[in-house]
Amino acid sequence: MVARPQRPRTDLTALTHGVFARWRRALDALLHPTVRTVRTAPALTCGLAALAAGTLAAGTLSGAPDPVTAWRAALGLPLWAAVRLVVFRIVSPGTVRVPRGVMVEAWAWSLLPFVVAVGPWLHAAAFVASAGVCALVLRRRGAGPREAVTLTAWVYGFQVAAVATVWLARNVVLAGRIILPA
């Protein structure tokens, strides 16, 4: 048996390995053990592919006057999807007892409608359809009707409340500038 000479680790490779290891641990902590289950894997694959396709379509086909505005709106899709998963994780243990695998599966399948979220109206329709798919998957995977509706209302209601608060604050500032010009 001949030992191969070891290449010295450079700072760049150490940094790359460290970032990858941290990213993998974060994903494992977020999705563990659901990534390893056979049932959730197709949901994650389909849901994340639909989200990626919807983000790409929204960024290129939105018809916004400038590309920066289009891509800023398009990149909001994966951001809000991640926020919904975090809210699922926070709300689920306190309000409704839903297994983590079922929760991640419902979240992943609820990403499918966002494949058509190209403009603001289609985005709103995809949001409503996503809530319906989420409640349906929760219901089909064993959650009671009340639990499914409660969890879906908490998760999607948080996003509606956050968007409404930002929209209201922006318009109050705008109205203040119009009414009380400096």
N, C-alpha and C. Protein backbone atom coordinates (compact mmCIF):
# COMPACT_ATOMS: atom_id res chain seq x y z
N MET A 1 0.84 -1.17 0.00
CA MET A 1 0.00 0.00 0.00
C MET A 1 0.89 1.23 0.00
N VAL A 2 0.63 2.11 -0.93
CA VAL A 2 1.44 3.32 -1.06
C VAL A 2 0.59 4.51 -0.65
N ALA A 3 1.10 5.30 0.22
CA ALA A 3 0.38 6.50 0.66
C ALA A 3 0.60 7.61 -0.36
N ARG A 4 -0.50 8.25 -0.71
CA ARG A 4 -0.39 9.38 -1.62
C ARG A 4 0.04 10.61 -0.84
N PRO A 5 0.81 11.45 -1.46
CA PRO A 5 1.20 12.68 -0.75
C PRO A 5 -0.02 13.57 -0.56
N GLN A 6 -0.12 14.13 0.61
CA GLN A 6 -1.25 15.01 0.93
C GLN A 6 -1.00 16.41 0.37
N ARG A 7 -2.04 16.96 -0.24
CA ARG A 7 -1.94 18.34 -0.70
C ARG A 7 -2.14 19.26 0.50
N PRO A 8 -1.39 20.30 0.61
CA PRO A 8 -1.61 21.22 1.73
C PRO A 8 -2.93 21.96 1.54
N ARG A 9 -3.66 22.11 2.63
CA ARG A 9 -4.94 22.83 2.57
C ARG A 9 -4.66 24.32 2.56
N THR A 10 -5.21 24.95 1.58
CA THR A 10 -5.06 26.40 1.51
C THR A 10 -6.18 27.05 2.30
N ASP A 11 -6.06 28.32 2.52
CA ASP A 11 -7.10 29.05 3.23
C ASP A 11 -8.42 29.02 2.45
N LEU A 12 -8.33 29.06 1.13
CA LEU A 12 -9.53 29.06 0.31
C LEU A 12 -10.27 27.73 0.41
N THR A 13 -9.56 26.63 0.37
CA THR A 13 -10.24 25.35 0.47
C THR A 13 -10.81 25.14 1.88
N ALA A 14 -10.09 25.59 2.89
CA ALA A 14 -10.61 25.48 4.25
C ALA A 14 -11.87 26.32 4.41
N LEU A 15 -11.87 27.51 3.82
CA LEU A 15 -13.06 28.36 3.89
C LEU A 15 -14.22 27.72 3.14
N THR A 16 -13.95 27.18 1.97
CA THR A 16 -14.99 26.53 1.18
C THR A 16 -15.58 25.35 1.93
N HIS A 17 -14.74 24.52 2.51
CA HIS A 17 -15.23 23.37 3.26
C HIS A 17 -16.02 23.82 4.49
N GLY A 18 -15.57 24.86 5.15
CA GLY A 18 -16.28 25.36 6.33
C GLY A 18 -17.65 25.90 5.99
N VAL A 19 -17.74 26.68 4.90
CA VAL A 19 -19.03 27.23 4.49
C VAL A 19 -19.98 26.11 4.10
N PHE A 20 -19.48 25.13 3.33
CA PHE A 20 -20.33 24.03 2.92
C PHE A 20 -20.82 23.24 4.13
N ALA A 21 -19.93 22.98 5.07
CA ALA A 21 -20.32 22.20 6.25
C ALA A 21 -21.36 22.95 7.08
N ARG A 22 -21.20 24.25 7.24
CA ARG A 22 -22.19 25.03 7.99
C ARG A 22 -23.52 25.06 7.28
N TRP A 23 -23.50 25.24 5.96
CA TRP A 23 -24.73 25.27 5.18
C TRP A 23 -25.46 23.93 5.30
N ARG A 24 -24.71 22.84 5.21
CA ARG A 24 -25.32 21.52 5.32
C ARG A 24 -25.90 21.28 6.71
N ARG A 25 -25.20 21.70 7.76
CA ARG A 25 -25.72 21.56 9.11
C ARG A 25 -26.98 22.40 9.30
N ALA A 26 -27.01 23.60 8.71
CA ALA A 26 -28.20 24.45 8.84
C ALA A 26 -29.39 23.80 8.14
N LEU A 27 -29.18 23.27 6.95
CA LEU A 27 -30.27 22.60 6.24
C LEU A 27 -30.72 21.34 6.98
N ASP A 28 -29.77 20.58 7.52
CA ASP A 28 -30.14 19.40 8.29
C ASP A 28 -30.94 19.77 9.52
N ALA A 29 -30.55 20.85 10.19
CA ALA A 29 -31.28 21.28 11.38
C ALA A 29 -32.67 21.75 11.01
N LEU A 30 -32.80 22.37 9.84
CA LEU A 30 -34.10 22.89 9.43
C LEU A 30 -35.04 21.78 8.97
N LEU A 31 -34.52 20.84 8.22
CA LEU A 31 -35.38 19.83 7.59
C LEU A 31 -35.25 18.44 8.20
N HIS A 32 -34.30 18.21 9.07
CA HIS A 32 -34.05 16.88 9.64
C HIS A 32 -35.26 16.37 10.40
N PRO A 33 -35.68 15.19 10.31
CA PRO A 33 -35.21 14.10 9.45
C PRO A 33 -36.00 14.01 8.15
N THR A 34 -36.74 15.03 7.81
CA THR A 34 -37.65 14.92 6.67
C THR A 34 -36.95 14.78 5.34
N VAL A 35 -35.73 15.28 5.19
CA VAL A 35 -35.04 15.14 3.92
C VAL A 35 -34.78 13.68 3.61
N ARG A 36 -34.61 12.90 4.64
CA ARG A 36 -34.28 11.49 4.43
C ARG A 36 -35.51 10.62 4.21
N THR A 37 -36.69 11.13 4.40
CA THR A 37 -37.88 10.32 4.21
C THR A 37 -38.24 10.25 2.74
N VAL A 38 -38.74 9.12 2.34
CA VAL A 38 -39.08 8.92 0.93
C VAL A 38 -40.29 9.75 0.54
N ARG A 39 -41.21 9.94 1.46
CA ARG A 39 -42.44 10.66 1.14
C ARG A 39 -42.21 12.13 0.87
N THR A 40 -41.31 12.76 1.58
CA THR A 40 -41.12 14.19 1.47
C THR A 40 -40.21 14.57 0.32
N ALA A 41 -39.32 13.69 -0.10
CA ALA A 41 -38.36 14.01 -1.15
C ALA A 41 -39.03 14.44 -2.46
N PRO A 42 -40.06 13.73 -2.98
CA PRO A 42 -40.69 14.22 -4.21
C PRO A 42 -41.36 15.58 -4.03
N ALA A 43 -41.93 15.81 -2.86
CA ALA A 43 -42.57 17.10 -2.61
C ALA A 43 -41.54 18.22 -2.63
N LEU A 44 -40.40 17.99 -1.98
CA LEU A 44 -39.36 19.01 -1.97
C LEU A 44 -38.82 19.26 -3.37
N THR A 45 -38.60 18.19 -4.12
CA THR A 45 -38.07 18.32 -5.47
C THR A 45 -39.04 19.10 -6.35
N CYS A 46 -40.29 18.70 -6.36
CA CYS A 46 -41.29 19.38 -7.20
C CYS A 46 -41.52 20.82 -6.74
N GLY A 47 -41.64 21.01 -5.44
CA GLY A 47 -41.91 22.34 -4.92
C GLY A 47 -40.78 23.32 -5.18
N LEU A 48 -39.55 22.90 -4.92
CA LEU A 48 -38.42 23.80 -5.14
C LEU A 48 -38.18 24.05 -6.62
N ALA A 49 -38.43 23.05 -7.47
CA ALA A 49 -38.30 23.25 -8.92
C ALA A 49 -39.36 24.24 -9.41
N ALA A 50 -40.58 24.11 -8.91
CA ALA A 50 -41.64 25.05 -9.30
C ALA A 50 -41.32 26.46 -8.81
N LEU A 51 -40.77 26.56 -7.61
CA LEU A 51 -40.41 27.88 -7.09
C LEU A 51 -39.29 28.50 -7.93
N ALA A 52 -38.30 27.71 -8.30
CA ALA A 52 -37.21 28.23 -9.14
C ALA A 52 -37.72 28.65 -10.51
N ALA A 53 -38.59 27.84 -11.10
CA ALA A 53 -39.16 28.20 -12.41
C ALA A 53 -40.02 29.45 -12.30
N GLY A 54 -40.80 29.55 -11.23
CA GLY A 54 -41.63 30.74 -11.04
C GLY A 54 -40.81 31.99 -10.82
N THR A 55 -39.72 31.87 -10.08
CA THR A 55 -38.84 33.01 -9.86
C THR A 55 -38.20 33.45 -11.16
N LEU A 56 -37.72 32.50 -11.95
CA LEU A 56 -37.12 32.81 -13.24
C LEU A 56 -38.14 33.44 -14.18
N ALA A 57 -39.35 32.88 -14.22
CA ALA A 57 -40.40 33.43 -15.08
C ALA A 57 -40.81 34.83 -14.63
N ALA A 58 -40.95 35.02 -13.32
CA ALA A 58 -41.35 36.33 -12.82
C ALA A 58 -40.29 37.38 -13.10
N GLY A 59 -39.03 36.99 -13.05
CA GLY A 59 -37.96 37.94 -13.30
C GLY A 59 -37.83 38.33 -14.76
N THR A 60 -38.16 37.39 -15.65
CA THR A 60 -37.97 37.68 -17.07
C THR A 60 -39.25 38.09 -17.79
N LEU A 61 -40.40 37.62 -17.34
CA LEU A 61 -41.65 37.85 -18.08
C LEU A 61 -42.61 38.83 -17.41
N SER A 62 -42.18 39.50 -16.37
CA SER A 62 -43.13 40.31 -15.60
C SER A 62 -43.60 41.55 -16.33
N GLY A 63 -42.85 42.05 -17.28
CA GLY A 63 -43.26 43.24 -18.00
C GLY A 63 -43.02 44.52 -17.23
N ALA A 64 -42.19 44.47 -16.21
CA ALA A 64 -41.86 45.68 -15.44
C ALA A 64 -41.03 46.61 -16.31
N PRO A 65 -41.11 47.92 -16.05
CA PRO A 65 -40.39 48.87 -16.90
C PRO A 65 -38.87 48.71 -16.86
N ASP A 66 -38.33 48.29 -15.75
CA ASP A 66 -36.88 48.07 -15.70
C ASP A 66 -36.60 46.71 -15.06
N PRO A 67 -35.49 46.10 -15.42
CA PRO A 67 -35.20 44.75 -14.93
C PRO A 67 -34.95 44.69 -13.41
N VAL A 68 -34.47 45.77 -12.83
CA VAL A 68 -34.20 45.75 -11.39
C VAL A 68 -35.51 45.56 -10.61
N THR A 69 -36.54 46.28 -11.01
CA THR A 69 -37.84 46.15 -10.36
C THR A 69 -38.40 44.74 -10.55
N ALA A 70 -38.26 44.21 -11.75
CA ALA A 70 -38.77 42.87 -12.03
C ALA A 70 -38.07 41.83 -11.18
N TRP A 71 -36.75 41.88 -11.10
CA TRP A 71 -36.02 40.87 -10.34
C TRP A 71 -36.18 41.06 -8.85
N ARG A 72 -36.36 42.30 -8.40
CA ARG A 72 -36.60 42.51 -6.96
C ARG A 72 -37.91 41.85 -6.55
N ALA A 73 -38.93 42.01 -7.38
CA ALA A 73 -40.21 41.37 -7.09
C ALA A 73 -40.10 39.85 -7.22
N ALA A 74 -39.36 39.39 -8.21
CA ALA A 74 -39.22 37.95 -8.43
C ALA A 74 -38.47 37.28 -7.29
N LEU A 75 -37.46 37.92 -6.77
CA LEU A 75 -36.68 37.32 -5.67
C LEU A 75 -37.44 37.33 -4.36
N GLY A 76 -38.56 38.03 -4.32
CA GLY A 76 -39.42 37.98 -3.15
C GLY A 76 -40.11 36.63 -3.00
N LEU A 77 -40.30 35.92 -4.11
CA LEU A 77 -40.95 34.60 -4.05
C LEU A 77 -40.18 33.62 -3.17
N PRO A 78 -38.89 33.37 -3.42
CA PRO A 78 -38.19 32.43 -2.53
C PRO A 78 -38.00 32.98 -1.12
N LEU A 79 -37.88 34.29 -1.00
CA LEU A 79 -37.74 34.87 0.34
C LEU A 79 -38.99 34.60 1.18
N TRP A 80 -40.16 34.87 0.61
CA TRP A 80 -41.40 34.63 1.35
C TRP A 80 -41.65 33.14 1.56
N ALA A 81 -41.21 32.30 0.62
CA ALA A 81 -41.35 30.85 0.81
C ALA A 81 -40.53 30.40 2.02
N ALA A 82 -39.32 30.93 2.16
CA ALA A 82 -38.50 30.58 3.31
C ALA A 82 -39.12 31.10 4.61
N VAL A 83 -39.69 32.30 4.55
CA VAL A 83 -40.35 32.86 5.74
C VAL A 83 -41.54 31.99 6.14
N ARG A 84 -42.30 31.52 5.16
CA ARG A 84 -43.44 30.65 5.48
C ARG A 84 -42.98 29.35 6.14
N LEU A 85 -41.86 28.79 5.69
CA LEU A 85 -41.35 27.57 6.31
C LEU A 85 -40.93 27.85 7.76
N VAL A 86 -40.29 28.97 7.99
CA VAL A 86 -39.88 29.33 9.35
C VAL A 86 -41.11 29.53 10.24
N VAL A 87 -42.12 30.21 9.71
CA VAL A 87 -43.35 30.41 10.49
C VAL A 87 -44.04 29.07 10.76
N PHE A 88 -44.02 28.17 9.78
CA PHE A 88 -44.53 26.81 10.00
C PHE A 88 -43.83 26.18 11.20
N ARG A 89 -42.50 26.28 11.21
CA ARG A 89 -41.72 25.67 12.27
C ARG A 89 -42.00 26.31 13.63
N ILE A 90 -42.23 27.62 13.65
CA ILE A 90 -42.47 28.33 14.91
C ILE A 90 -43.88 28.08 15.42
N VAL A 91 -44.86 28.15 14.54
CA VAL A 91 -46.26 28.08 14.95
C VAL A 91 -46.72 26.65 15.23
N SER A 92 -46.22 25.69 14.49
CA SER A 92 -46.73 24.33 14.58
C SER A 92 -46.68 23.72 15.97
N PRO A 93 -45.57 23.78 16.69
CA PRO A 93 -45.58 23.11 18.00
C PRO A 93 -46.53 23.76 19.00
N GLY A 94 -46.76 25.06 18.91
CA GLY A 94 -47.58 25.73 19.91
C GLY A 94 -49.07 25.65 19.66
N THR A 95 -49.49 25.64 18.40
CA THR A 95 -50.92 25.68 18.12
C THR A 95 -51.47 24.34 17.67
N VAL A 96 -50.77 23.67 16.79
CA VAL A 96 -51.27 22.44 16.20
C VAL A 96 -50.15 21.41 16.24
N ARG A 97 -50.46 20.22 16.64
CA ARG A 97 -49.47 19.14 16.66
C ARG A 97 -49.46 18.44 15.30
N VAL A 98 -48.58 18.89 14.44
CA VAL A 98 -48.42 18.30 13.12
C VAL A 98 -46.99 17.79 13.03
N PRO A 99 -46.78 16.54 12.61
CA PRO A 99 -45.41 16.04 12.48
C PRO A 99 -44.60 16.90 11.51
N ARG A 100 -43.31 17.01 11.78
CA ARG A 100 -42.44 17.86 10.98
C ARG A 100 -42.43 17.44 9.51
N GLY A 101 -42.45 16.15 9.24
CA GLY A 101 -42.46 15.67 7.86
C GLY A 101 -43.70 16.11 7.11
N VAL A 102 -44.83 16.05 7.77
CA VAL A 102 -46.09 16.49 7.15
C VAL A 102 -46.04 18.00 6.90
N MET A 103 -45.50 18.73 7.85
CA MET A 103 -45.41 20.18 7.72
C MET A 103 -44.52 20.57 6.54
N VAL A 104 -43.36 19.94 6.42
CA VAL A 104 -42.45 20.26 5.32
C VAL A 104 -43.05 19.81 3.99
N GLU A 105 -43.74 18.69 4.01
CA GLU A 105 -44.39 18.22 2.77
C GLU A 105 -45.48 19.19 2.33
N ALA A 106 -46.29 19.67 3.26
CA ALA A 106 -47.34 20.64 2.92
C ALA A 106 -46.72 21.93 2.40
N TRP A 107 -45.64 22.38 3.04
CA TRP A 107 -44.96 23.59 2.57
C TRP A 107 -44.43 23.40 1.15
N ALA A 108 -43.80 22.25 0.90
CA ALA A 108 -43.20 22.01 -0.41
C ALA A 108 -44.26 21.92 -1.51
N TRP A 109 -45.35 21.19 -1.27
CA TRP A 109 -46.40 21.10 -2.29
C TRP A 109 -47.08 22.45 -2.49
N SER A 110 -47.12 23.29 -1.46
CA SER A 110 -47.77 24.59 -1.61
C SER A 110 -46.95 25.56 -2.46
N LEU A 111 -45.74 25.18 -2.83
CA LEU A 111 -44.93 26.03 -3.72
C LEU A 111 -45.31 25.86 -5.19
N LEU A 112 -46.03 24.80 -5.52
CA LEU A 112 -46.37 24.52 -6.92
C LEU A 112 -47.11 25.66 -7.63
N PRO A 113 -48.11 26.31 -7.00
CA PRO A 113 -48.82 27.36 -7.74
C PRO A 113 -47.94 28.55 -8.11
N PHE A 114 -46.80 28.72 -7.47
CA PHE A 114 -45.96 29.89 -7.76
C PHE A 114 -45.23 29.78 -9.10
N VAL A 115 -45.39 28.66 -9.78
CA VAL A 115 -44.78 28.53 -11.10
C VAL A 115 -45.42 29.50 -12.09
N VAL A 116 -46.65 29.95 -11.84
CA VAL A 116 -47.34 30.88 -12.74
C VAL A 116 -47.40 32.30 -12.19
N ALA A 117 -46.67 32.60 -11.13
CA ALA A 117 -46.74 33.92 -10.49
C ALA A 117 -45.89 34.93 -11.25
N VAL A 118 -46.37 35.32 -12.44
CA VAL A 118 -45.59 36.22 -13.29
C VAL A 118 -45.88 37.68 -12.99
N GLY A 119 -47.11 38.07 -12.90
CA GLY A 119 -47.45 39.46 -12.60
C GLY A 119 -48.11 39.56 -11.24
N PRO A 120 -48.50 40.76 -10.85
CA PRO A 120 -49.09 40.92 -9.51
C PRO A 120 -50.41 40.17 -9.33
N TRP A 121 -51.24 40.11 -10.37
CA TRP A 121 -52.52 39.42 -10.23
C TRP A 121 -52.33 37.91 -10.17
N LEU A 122 -51.44 37.41 -11.02
CA LEU A 122 -51.16 35.97 -10.98
C LEU A 122 -50.43 35.60 -9.69
N HIS A 123 -49.63 36.52 -9.16
CA HIS A 123 -48.96 36.27 -7.88
C HIS A 123 -50.00 36.15 -6.76
N ALA A 124 -50.98 37.05 -6.76
CA ALA A 124 -52.04 36.98 -5.74
C ALA A 124 -52.85 35.69 -5.89
N ALA A 125 -53.16 35.31 -7.13
CA ALA A 125 -53.89 34.06 -7.35
C ALA A 125 -53.06 32.85 -6.91
N ALA A 126 -51.76 32.88 -7.18
CA ALA A 126 -50.89 31.78 -6.76
C ALA A 126 -50.79 31.71 -5.24
N PHE A 127 -50.81 32.86 -4.58
CA PHE A 127 -50.76 32.89 -3.12
C PHE A 127 -51.99 32.23 -2.52
N VAL A 128 -53.17 32.56 -3.06
CA VAL A 128 -54.42 31.97 -2.57
C VAL A 128 -54.44 30.46 -2.88
N ALA A 129 -54.03 30.10 -4.09
CA ALA A 129 -53.98 28.68 -4.45
C ALA A 129 -52.97 27.93 -3.58
N SER A 130 -51.87 28.57 -3.25
CA SER A 130 -50.86 27.96 -2.39
C SER A 130 -51.42 27.67 -1.00
N ALA A 131 -52.18 28.60 -0.46
CA ALA A 131 -52.80 28.37 0.85
C ALA A 131 -53.78 27.20 0.77
N GLY A 132 -54.54 27.12 -0.32
CA GLY A 132 -55.46 26.00 -0.49
C GLY A 132 -54.74 24.67 -0.59
N VAL A 133 -53.65 24.63 -1.35
CA VAL A 133 -52.88 23.39 -1.49
C VAL A 133 -52.28 23.00 -0.14
N CYS A 134 -51.79 23.97 0.59
CA CYS A 134 -51.20 23.69 1.91
C CYS A 134 -52.23 23.06 2.84
N ALA A 135 -53.41 23.66 2.92
CA ALA A 135 -54.46 23.12 3.78
C ALA A 135 -54.90 21.73 3.31
N LEU A 136 -54.98 21.54 2.01
CA LEU A 136 -55.38 20.24 1.46
C LEU A 136 -54.36 19.15 1.80
N VAL A 137 -53.08 19.46 1.64
CA VAL A 137 -52.05 18.46 1.95
C VAL A 137 -52.04 18.15 3.45
N LEU A 138 -52.16 19.18 4.27
CA LEU A 138 -52.21 18.93 5.72
C LEU A 138 -53.39 18.03 6.06
N ARG A 139 -54.52 18.29 5.44
CA ARG A 139 -55.74 17.52 5.70
C ARG A 139 -55.57 16.07 5.23
N ARG A 140 -55.00 15.90 4.03
CA ARG A 140 -54.83 14.55 3.46
C ARG A 140 -53.79 13.73 4.21
N ARG A 141 -52.85 14.40 4.87
CA ARG A 141 -51.78 13.68 5.56
C ARG A 141 -52.08 13.46 7.03
N GLY A 142 -53.34 13.68 7.43
CA GLY A 142 -53.72 13.27 8.77
C GLY A 142 -54.09 14.36 9.74
N ALA A 143 -53.86 15.61 9.41
CA ALA A 143 -54.27 16.68 10.31
C ALA A 143 -55.79 16.82 10.21
N GLY A 144 -56.42 17.15 11.30
CA GLY A 144 -57.87 17.36 11.28
C GLY A 144 -58.21 18.63 10.51
N PRO A 145 -59.48 18.78 10.12
CA PRO A 145 -59.84 19.97 9.35
C PRO A 145 -59.56 21.27 10.10
N ARG A 146 -59.83 21.25 11.39
CA ARG A 146 -59.59 22.46 12.18
C ARG A 146 -58.09 22.77 12.29
N GLU A 147 -57.28 21.73 12.52
CA GLU A 147 -55.83 21.93 12.62
C GLU A 147 -55.24 22.42 11.31
N ALA A 148 -55.70 21.85 10.19
CA ALA A 148 -55.18 22.25 8.88
C ALA A 148 -55.51 23.72 8.59
N VAL A 149 -56.74 24.10 8.86
CA VAL A 149 -57.14 25.49 8.60
C VAL A 149 -56.42 26.44 9.56
N THR A 150 -56.29 26.06 10.81
CA THR A 150 -55.62 26.92 11.79
C THR A 150 -54.17 27.15 11.42
N LEU A 151 -53.46 26.09 11.11
CA LEU A 151 -52.04 26.23 10.77
C LEU A 151 -51.86 27.02 9.48
N THR A 152 -52.69 26.76 8.48
CA THR A 152 -52.60 27.50 7.23
C THR A 152 -52.93 28.97 7.45
N ALA A 153 -53.93 29.26 8.26
CA ALA A 153 -54.29 30.65 8.53
C ALA A 153 -53.15 31.38 9.25
N TRP A 154 -52.49 30.73 10.19
CA TRP A 154 -51.37 31.36 10.88
C TRP A 154 -50.23 31.66 9.92
N VAL A 155 -49.87 30.68 9.11
CA VAL A 155 -48.70 30.83 8.23
C VAL A 155 -48.96 31.88 7.16
N TYR A 156 -50.06 31.76 6.46
CA TYR A 156 -50.34 32.70 5.37
C TYR A 156 -50.83 34.04 5.92
N GLY A 157 -51.49 34.03 7.05
CA GLY A 157 -51.92 35.28 7.68
C GLY A 157 -50.74 36.12 8.11
N PHE A 158 -49.66 35.48 8.55
CA PHE A 158 -48.45 36.23 8.91
C PHE A 158 -47.92 36.98 7.71
N GLN A 159 -47.88 36.34 6.55
CA GLN A 159 -47.38 37.02 5.36
C GLN A 159 -48.30 38.15 4.95
N VAL A 160 -49.60 37.93 5.00
CA VAL A 160 -50.55 38.99 4.66
C VAL A 160 -50.39 40.18 5.61
N ALA A 161 -50.26 39.89 6.91
CA ALA A 161 -50.10 40.97 7.89
C ALA A 161 -48.80 41.73 7.67
N ALA A 162 -47.71 41.02 7.38
CA ALA A 162 -46.43 41.69 7.16
C ALA A 162 -46.47 42.57 5.91
N VAL A 163 -47.01 42.05 4.83
CA VAL A 163 -47.09 42.83 3.59
C VAL A 163 -48.03 44.03 3.78
N ALA A 164 -49.15 43.82 4.45
CA ALA A 164 -50.08 44.93 4.69
C ALA A 164 -49.46 46.01 5.56
N THR A 165 -48.68 45.61 6.56
CA THR A 165 -48.03 46.59 7.42
C THR A 165 -47.01 47.42 6.65
N VAL A 166 -46.20 46.77 5.83
CA VAL A 166 -45.21 47.50 5.02
C VAL A 166 -45.92 48.41 4.03
N TRP A 167 -46.96 47.92 3.38
CA TRP A 167 -47.70 48.72 2.41
C TRP A 167 -48.33 49.94 3.09
N LEU A 168 -48.94 49.73 4.26
CA LEU A 168 -49.56 50.83 4.99
C LEU A 168 -48.53 51.85 5.44
N ALA A 169 -47.41 51.39 5.97
CA ALA A 169 -46.36 52.32 6.41
C ALA A 169 -45.81 53.12 5.23
N ARG A 170 -45.61 52.47 4.10
CA ARG A 170 -45.10 53.16 2.92
C ARG A 170 -46.09 54.23 2.45
N ASN A 171 -47.38 53.90 2.45
CA ASN A 171 -48.37 54.86 2.00
C ASN A 171 -48.58 55.99 3.00
N VAL A 172 -48.44 55.73 4.30
CA VAL A 172 -48.54 56.80 5.29
C VAL A 172 -47.40 57.78 5.09
N VAL A 173 -46.19 57.28 4.86
CA VAL A 173 -45.05 58.16 4.61
C VAL A 173 -45.26 58.95 3.34
N LEU A 174 -45.76 58.30 2.30
CA LEU A 174 -46.03 58.98 1.05
C LEU A 174 -47.10 60.05 1.23
N ALA A 175 -48.17 59.73 1.96
CA ALA A 175 -49.23 60.71 2.20
C ALA A 175 -48.71 61.86 3.04
N GLY A 176 -47.84 61.59 3.99
CA GLY A 176 -47.24 62.66 4.78
C GLY A 176 -46.40 63.60 3.94
N ARG A 177 -45.72 63.08 2.96
CA ARG A 177 -44.92 63.93 2.05
C ARG A 177 -45.79 64.78 1.17
N ILE A 178 -46.94 64.25 0.77
CA ILE A 178 -47.85 65.01 -0.09
C ILE A 178 -48.58 66.08 0.70
N ILE A 179 -49.09 65.71 1.88
CA ILE A 179 -49.89 66.63 2.68
C ILE A 179 -49.02 67.69 3.33
N LEU A 180 -47.90 67.27 3.88
CA LEU A 180 -46.99 68.19 4.58
C LEU A 180 -45.66 68.27 3.85
N PRO A 181 -45.62 68.96 2.72
CA PRO A 181 -44.34 69.03 2.00
C PRO A 181 -43.30 69.82 2.82
N ALA A 182 -42.07 69.41 2.71
CA ALA A 182 -41.00 70.06 3.47
C ALA A 182 -40.56 71.35 2.84
